Amino acid sequence: MPVPKRRQSKSRIRKRRTHDSLTAPGLTECQHCHKQILPHRVCGFCGYYKGKSIIPIVEKAKKEER
């Protein structure tokens, strides 16, 4: 198995690792309840997606009672 001939410098290692950091997900605002949600997903708070009710609020109220 090949072995590196010389030790890599700290700057070379750090240059490679600059892209390893995590970034926060890009959030958008729900058009109905104005809470922050992930894009292209149904809002978990009100059940709306693109201005249309996808998950009826009545069903969500029943789940919260359990």
PDB file of N, CA and C in Angstrom:
ATOM      1  N   MET A   1       0.851  -1.178   0.000  1.00  0.00           N
ATOM      2  CA  MET A   1       0.000   0.000   0.000  1.00  0.00           C
ATOM      3  C   MET A   1       0.896   1.240   0.000  1.00  0.00           C
ATOM      4  N   PRO A   2       0.553   2.237  -0.813  1.00  0.00           N
ATOM      5  CA  PRO A   2       1.408   3.428  -0.882  1.00  0.00           C
ATOM      6  C   PRO A   2       1.354   4.253   0.405  1.00  0.00           C
ATOM      7  N   VAL A   3       2.489   4.858   0.704  1.00  0.00           N
ATOM      8  CA  VAL A   3       2.626   5.699   1.883  1.00  0.00           C
ATOM      9  C   VAL A   3       3.080   7.079   1.407  1.00  0.00           C
ATOM     10  N   PRO A   4       2.539   8.170   1.989  1.00  0.00           N
ATOM     11  CA  PRO A   4       2.975   9.494   1.572  1.00  0.00           C
ATOM     12  C   PRO A   4       4.472   9.700   1.838  1.00  0.00           C
ATOM     13  N   LYS A   5       5.136  10.326   0.863  1.00  0.00           N
ATOM     14  CA  LYS A   5       6.573  10.558   1.012  1.00  0.00           C
ATOM     15  C   LYS A   5       6.874  11.616   2.064  1.00  0.00           C
ATOM     16  N   ARG A   6       6.046  12.660   2.106  1.00  0.00           N
ATOM     17  CA  ARG A   6       6.285  13.738   3.056  1.00  0.00           C
ATOM     18  C   ARG A   6       4.994  14.046   3.817  1.00  0.00           C
ATOM     19  N   ARG A   7       5.186  14.602   4.993  1.00  0.00           N
ATOM     20  CA  ARG A   7       4.048  14.996   5.817  1.00  0.00           C
ATOM     21  C   ARG A   7       3.364  16.207   5.186  1.00  0.00           C
ATOM     22  N   GLN A   8       2.024  16.210   5.221  1.00  0.00           N
ATOM     23  CA  GLN A   8       1.291  17.362   4.690  1.00  0.00           C
ATOM     24  C   GLN A   8       1.283  18.480   5.719  1.00  0.00           C
ATOM     25  N   SER A   9       1.409  19.686   5.237  1.00  0.00           N
ATOM     26  CA  SER A   9       1.432  20.836   6.136  1.00  0.00           C
ATOM     27  C   SER A   9       0.041  21.098   6.717  1.00  0.00           C
ATOM     28  N   LYS A  10       0.003  21.857   7.792  1.00  0.00           N
ATOM     29  CA  LYS A  10      -1.267  22.196   8.440  1.00  0.00           C
ATOM     30  C   LYS A  10      -2.163  22.993   7.503  1.00  0.00           C
ATOM     31  N   SER A  11      -1.564  23.907   6.747  1.00  0.00           N
ATOM     32  CA  SER A  11      -2.371  24.740   5.850  1.00  0.00           C
ATOM     33  C   SER A  11      -3.006  23.904   4.742  1.00  0.00           C
ATOM     34  N   ARG A  12      -2.296  22.914   4.228  1.00  0.00           N
ATOM     35  CA  ARG A  12      -2.848  22.057   3.184  1.00  0.00           C
ATOM     36  C   ARG A  12      -4.008  21.216   3.722  1.00  0.00           C
ATOM     37  N   ILE A  13      -3.851  20.710   4.942  1.00  0.00           N
ATOM     38  CA  ILE A  13      -4.916  19.925   5.565  1.00  0.00           C
ATOM     39  C   ILE A  13      -6.138  20.800   5.815  1.00  0.00           C
ATOM     40  N   ARG A  14      -5.902  22.010   6.310  1.00  0.00           N
ATOM     41  CA  ARG A  14      -7.012  22.915   6.623  1.00  0.00           C
ATOM     42  C   ARG A  14      -7.724  23.394   5.367  1.00  0.00           C
ATOM     43  N   LYS A  15      -6.988  23.568   4.278  1.00  0.00           N
ATOM     44  CA  LYS A  15      -7.621  23.950   3.008  1.00  0.00           C
ATOM     45  C   LYS A  15      -8.585  22.867   2.538  1.00  0.00           C
ATOM     46  N   ARG A  16      -8.200  21.622   2.727  1.00  0.00           N
ATOM     47  CA  ARG A  16      -9.055  20.515   2.316  1.00  0.00           C
ATOM     48  C   ARG A  16     -10.297  20.424   3.199  1.00  0.00           C
ATOM     49  N   ARG A  17     -10.136  20.731   4.477  1.00  0.00           N
ATOM     50  CA  ARG A  17     -11.239  20.576   5.423  1.00  0.00           C
ATOM     51  C   ARG A  17     -12.187  21.771   5.477  1.00  0.00           C
ATOM     52  N   THR A  18     -11.955  22.811   4.719  1.00  0.00           N
ATOM     53  CA  THR A  18     -12.825  23.993   4.762  1.00  0.00           C
ATOM     54  C   THR A  18     -14.243  23.668   4.317  1.00  0.00           C
ATOM     55  N   HIS A  19     -14.425  22.634   3.514  1.00  0.00           N
ATOM     56  CA  HIS A  19     -15.747  22.296   2.988  1.00  0.00           C
ATOM     57  C   HIS A  19     -16.480  21.289   3.858  1.00  0.00           C
ATOM     58  N   ASP A  20     -15.887  20.870   4.964  1.00  0.00           N
ATOM     59  CA  ASP A  20     -16.492  19.852   5.811  1.00  0.00           C
ATOM     60  C   ASP A  20     -17.493  20.400   6.818  1.00  0.00           C
ATOM     61  N   SER A  21     -17.594  21.698   6.959  1.00  0.00           N
ATOM     62  CA  SER A  21     -18.470  22.274   7.972  1.00  0.00           C
ATOM     63  C   SER A  21     -19.933  22.102   7.585  1.00  0.00           C
ATOM     64  N   LEU A  22     -20.784  22.041   8.588  1.00  0.00           N
ATOM     65  CA  LEU A  22     -22.219  21.900   8.364  1.00  0.00           C
ATOM     66  C   LEU A  22     -22.843  23.275   8.166  1.00  0.00           C
ATOM     67  N   THR A  23     -23.891  23.320   7.354  1.00  0.00           N
ATOM     68  CA  THR A  23     -24.622  24.565   7.140  1.00  0.00           C
ATOM     69  C   THR A  23     -26.069  24.382   7.603  1.00  0.00           C
ATOM     70  N   ALA A  24     -26.666  25.436   8.048  1.00  0.00           N
ATOM     71  CA  ALA A  24     -28.057  25.384   8.483  1.00  0.00           C
ATOM     72  C   ALA A  24     -28.965  25.216   7.270  1.00  0.00           C
ATOM     73  N   PRO A  25     -30.068  24.462   7.409  1.00  0.00           N
ATOM     74  CA  PRO A  25     -30.966  24.287   6.275  1.00  0.00           C
ATOM     75  C   PRO A  25     -31.653  25.597   5.921  1.00  0.00           C
ATOM     76  N   GLY A  26     -31.901  25.804   4.643  1.00  0.00           N
ATOM     77  CA  GLY A  26     -32.593  27.006   4.204  1.00  0.00           C
ATOM     78  C   GLY A  26     -34.072  26.901   4.509  1.00  0.00           C
ATOM     79  N   LEU A  27     -34.571  27.779   5.322  1.00  0.00           N
ATOM     80  CA  LEU A  27     -35.972  27.744   5.720  1.00  0.00           C
ATOM     81  C   LEU A  27     -36.764  28.791   4.949  1.00  0.00           C
ATOM     82  N   THR A  28     -38.038  28.494   4.723  1.00  0.00           N
ATOM     83  CA  THR A  28     -38.952  29.443   4.096  1.00  0.00           C
ATOM     84  C   THR A  28     -40.110  29.687   5.048  1.00  0.00           C
ATOM     85  N   GLU A  29     -40.882  30.707   4.750  1.00  0.00           N
ATOM     86  CA  GLU A  29     -42.011  31.064   5.598  1.00  0.00           C
ATOM     87  C   GLU A  29     -43.287  30.461   5.042  1.00  0.00           C
ATOM     88  N   CYS A  30     -44.077  29.853   5.900  1.00  0.00           N
ATOM     89  CA  CYS A  30     -45.372  29.301   5.493  1.00  0.00           C
ATOM     90  C   CYS A  30     -46.285  30.473   5.088  1.00  0.00           C
ATOM     91  N   GLN A  31     -46.952  30.316   3.963  1.00  0.00           N
ATOM     92  CA  GLN A  31     -47.816  31.390   3.469  1.00  0.00           C
ATOM     93  C   GLN A  31     -49.062  31.561   4.329  1.00  0.00           C
ATOM     94  N   HIS A  32     -49.444  30.510   5.044  1.00  0.00           N
ATOM     95  CA  HIS A  32     -50.689  30.552   5.805  1.00  0.00           C
ATOM     96  C   HIS A  32     -50.469  31.005   7.250  1.00  0.00           C
ATOM     97  N   CYS A  33     -49.524  30.346   7.963  1.00  0.00           N
ATOM     98  CA  CYS A  33     -49.343  30.667   9.382  1.00  0.00           C
ATOM     99  C   CYS A  33     -48.055  31.447   9.657  1.00  0.00           C
ATOM    100  N   HIS A  34     -47.229  31.665   8.644  1.00  0.00           N
ATOM    101  CA  HIS A  34     -46.005  32.464   8.707  1.00  0.00           C
ATOM    102  C   HIS A  34     -44.943  31.904   9.666  1.00  0.00           C
ATOM    103  N   LYS A  35     -44.910  30.578   9.825  1.00  0.00           N
ATOM    104  CA  LYS A  35     -43.851  29.949  10.619  1.00  0.00           C
ATOM    105  C   LYS A  35     -42.771  29.453   9.668  1.00  0.00           C
ATOM    106  N   GLN A  36     -41.570  29.241  10.183  1.00  0.00           N
ATOM    107  CA  GLN A  36     -40.446  28.782   9.376  1.00  0.00           C
ATOM    108  C   GLN A  36     -40.559  27.269   9.140  1.00  0.00           C
ATOM    109  N   ILE A  37     -40.511  26.850   7.855  1.00  0.00           N
ATOM    110  CA  ILE A  37     -40.594  25.441   7.489  1.00  0.00           C
ATOM    111  C   ILE A  37     -39.551  25.148   6.417  1.00  0.00           C
ATOM    112  N   LEU A  38     -39.265  23.864   6.202  1.00  0.00           N
ATOM    113  CA  LEU A  38     -38.388  23.468   5.107  1.00  0.00           C
ATOM    114  C   LEU A  38     -39.113  23.669   3.791  1.00  0.00           C
ATOM    115  N   PRO A  39     -38.419  24.076   2.734  1.00  0.00           N
ATOM    116  CA  PRO A  39     -39.094  24.313   1.453  1.00  0.00           C
ATOM    117  C   PRO A  39     -39.627  23.021   0.837  1.00  0.00           C
ATOM    118  N   HIS A  40     -40.699  23.127   0.089  1.00  0.00           N
ATOM    119  CA  HIS A  40     -41.341  22.031  -0.649  1.00  0.00           C
ATOM    120  C   HIS A  40     -41.878  20.949   0.280  1.00  0.00           C
ATOM    121  N   ARG A  41     -42.363  21.345   1.446  1.00  0.00           N
ATOM    122  CA  ARG A  41     -42.949  20.393   2.381  1.00  0.00           C
ATOM    123  C   ARG A  41     -44.208  20.987   2.997  1.00  0.00           C
ATOM    124  N   VAL A  42     -45.119  20.119   3.413  1.00  0.00           N
ATOM    125  CA  VAL A  42     -46.348  20.556   4.059  1.00  0.00           C
ATOM    126  C   VAL A  42     -45.994  21.143   5.421  1.00  0.00           C
ATOM    127  N   CYS A  43     -46.644  22.227   5.763  1.00  0.00           N
ATOM    128  CA  CYS A  43     -46.405  22.869   7.059  1.00  0.00           C
ATOM    129  C   CYS A  43     -46.936  21.960   8.156  1.00  0.00           C
ATOM    130  N   GLY A  44     -46.101  21.660   9.137  1.00  0.00           N
ATOM    131  CA  GLY A  44     -46.502  20.790  10.235  1.00  0.00           C
ATOM    132  C   GLY A  44     -47.390  21.471  11.252  1.00  0.00           C
ATOM    133  N   PHE A  45     -47.492  22.780  11.195  1.00  0.00           N
ATOM    134  CA  PHE A  45     -48.282  23.518  12.170  1.00  0.00           C
ATOM    135  C   PHE A  45     -49.723  23.728  11.710  1.00  0.00           C
ATOM    136  N   CYS A  46     -49.902  24.059  10.408  1.00  0.00           N
ATOM    137  CA  CYS A  46     -51.258  24.344   9.925  1.00  0.00           C
ATOM    138  C   CYS A  46     -51.734  23.364   8.860  1.00  0.00           C
ATOM    139  N   GLY A  47     -50.832  22.578   8.253  1.00  0.00           N
ATOM    140  CA  GLY A  47     -51.233  21.579   7.265  1.00  0.00           C
ATOM    141  C   GLY A  47     -51.421  22.130   5.864  1.00  0.00           C
ATOM    142  N   TYR A  48     -50.882  23.307   5.568  1.00  0.00           N
ATOM    143  CA  TYR A  48     -51.036  23.909   4.250  1.00  0.00           C
ATOM    144  C   TYR A  48     -49.774  23.721   3.411  1.00  0.00           C
ATOM    145  N   TYR A  49     -49.964  23.625   2.089  1.00  0.00           N
ATOM    146  CA  TYR A  49     -48.849  23.582   1.141  1.00  0.00           C
ATOM    147  C   TYR A  49     -49.256  24.347  -0.100  1.00  0.00           C
ATOM    148  N   LYS A  50     -48.493  25.351  -0.450  1.00  0.00           N
ATOM    149  CA  LYS A  50     -48.756  26.224  -1.603  1.00  0.00           C
ATOM    150  C   LYS A  50     -50.162  26.825  -1.545  1.00  0.00           C
ATOM    151  N   GLY A  51     -50.595  27.226  -0.361  1.00  0.00           N
ATOM    152  CA  GLY A  51     -51.880  27.900  -0.207  1.00  0.00           C
ATOM    153  C   GLY A  51     -53.081  26.972  -0.169  1.00  0.00           C
ATOM    154  N   LYS A  52     -52.864  25.644  -0.227  1.00  0.00           N
ATOM    155  CA  LYS A  52     -53.969  24.687  -0.197  1.00  0.00           C
ATOM    156  C   LYS A  52     -53.883  23.846   1.066  1.00  0.00           C
ATOM    157  N   SER A  53     -55.048  23.518   1.625  1.00  0.00           N
ATOM    158  CA  SER A  53     -55.089  22.679   2.822  1.00  0.00           C
ATOM    159  C   SER A  53     -54.860  21.236   2.416  1.00  0.00           C
ATOM    160  N   ILE A  54     -53.776  20.640   2.864  1.00  0.00           N
ATOM    161  CA  ILE A  54     -53.439  19.269   2.534  1.00  0.00           C
ATOM    162  C   ILE A  54     -53.834  18.340   3.676  1.00  0.00           C
ATOM    163  N   ILE A  55     -53.506  18.721   4.899  1.00  0.00           N
ATOM    164  CA  ILE A  55     -53.853  17.947   6.084  1.00  0.00           C
ATOM    165  C   ILE A  55     -54.946  18.717   6.813  1.00  0.00           C
ATOM    166  N   PRO A  56     -56.163  18.173   6.854  1.00  0.00           N
ATOM    167  CA  PRO A  56     -57.239  18.895   7.534  1.00  0.00           C
ATOM    168  C   PRO A  56     -56.907  19.117   9.009  1.00  0.00           C
ATOM    169  N   ILE A  57     -57.292  20.280   9.501  1.00  0.00           N
ATOM    170  CA  ILE A  57     -57.003  20.651  10.885  1.00  0.00           C
ATOM    171  C   ILE A  57     -57.796  19.782  11.856  1.00  0.00           C
ATOM    172  N   VAL A  58     -58.964  19.278  11.437  1.00  0.00           N
ATOM    173  CA  VAL A  58     -59.790  18.437  12.304  1.00  0.00           C
ATOM    174  C   VAL A  58     -59.019  17.177  12.683  1.00  0.00           C
ATOM    175  N   GLU A  59     -58.331  16.544  11.711  1.00  0.00           N
ATOM    176  CA  GLU A  59     -57.572  15.332  11.986  1.00  0.00           C
ATOM    177  C   GLU A  59     -56.399  15.636  12.915  1.00  0.00           C
ATOM    178  N   LYS A  60     -55.778  16.771  12.725  1.00  0.00           N
ATOM    179  CA  LYS A  60     -54.647  17.143  13.561  1.00  0.00           C
ATOM    180  C   LYS A  60     -55.107  17.359  15.005  1.00  0.00           C
ATOM    181  N   ALA A  61     -56.298  17.930  15.209  1.00  0.00           N
ATOM    182  CA  ALA A  61     -56.819  18.153  16.558  1.00  0.00           C
ATOM    183  C   ALA A  61     -57.065  16.827  17.247  1.00  0.00           C
ATOM    184  N   LYS A  62     -57.529  15.812  16.503  1.00  0.00           N
ATOM    185  CA  LYS A  62     -57.769  14.496  17.088  1.00  0.00           C
ATOM    186  C   LYS A  62     -56.451  13.854  17.535  1.00  0.00           C
ATOM    187  N   LYS A  63     -55.380  14.043  16.750  1.00  0.00           N
ATOM    188  CA  LYS A  63     -54.091  13.476  17.102  1.00  0.00           C
ATOM    189  C   LYS A  63     -53.542  14.111  18.366  1.00  0.00           C
ATOM    190  N   GLU A  64     -53.777  15.399  18.561  1.00  0.00           N
ATOM    191  CA  GLU A  64     -53.268  16.092  19.731  1.00  0.00           C
ATOM    192  C   GLU A  64     -54.003  15.659  20.994  1.00  0.00           C
ATOM    193  N   GLU A  65     -55.278  15.224  20.868  1.00  0.00           N
ATOM    194  CA  GLU A  65     -56.041  14.803  22.019  1.00  0.00           C
ATOM    195  C   GLU A  65     -55.555  13.469  22.567  1.00  0.00           C
ATOM    196  N   ARG A  66     -54.959  12.632  21.725  1.00  0.00           N
ATOM    197  CA  ARG A  66     -54.519  11.293  22.144  1.00  0.00           C
ATOM    198  C   ARG A  66     -53.436  11.343  23.116  1.00  0.00           C
TER     199      ARG A  66
END
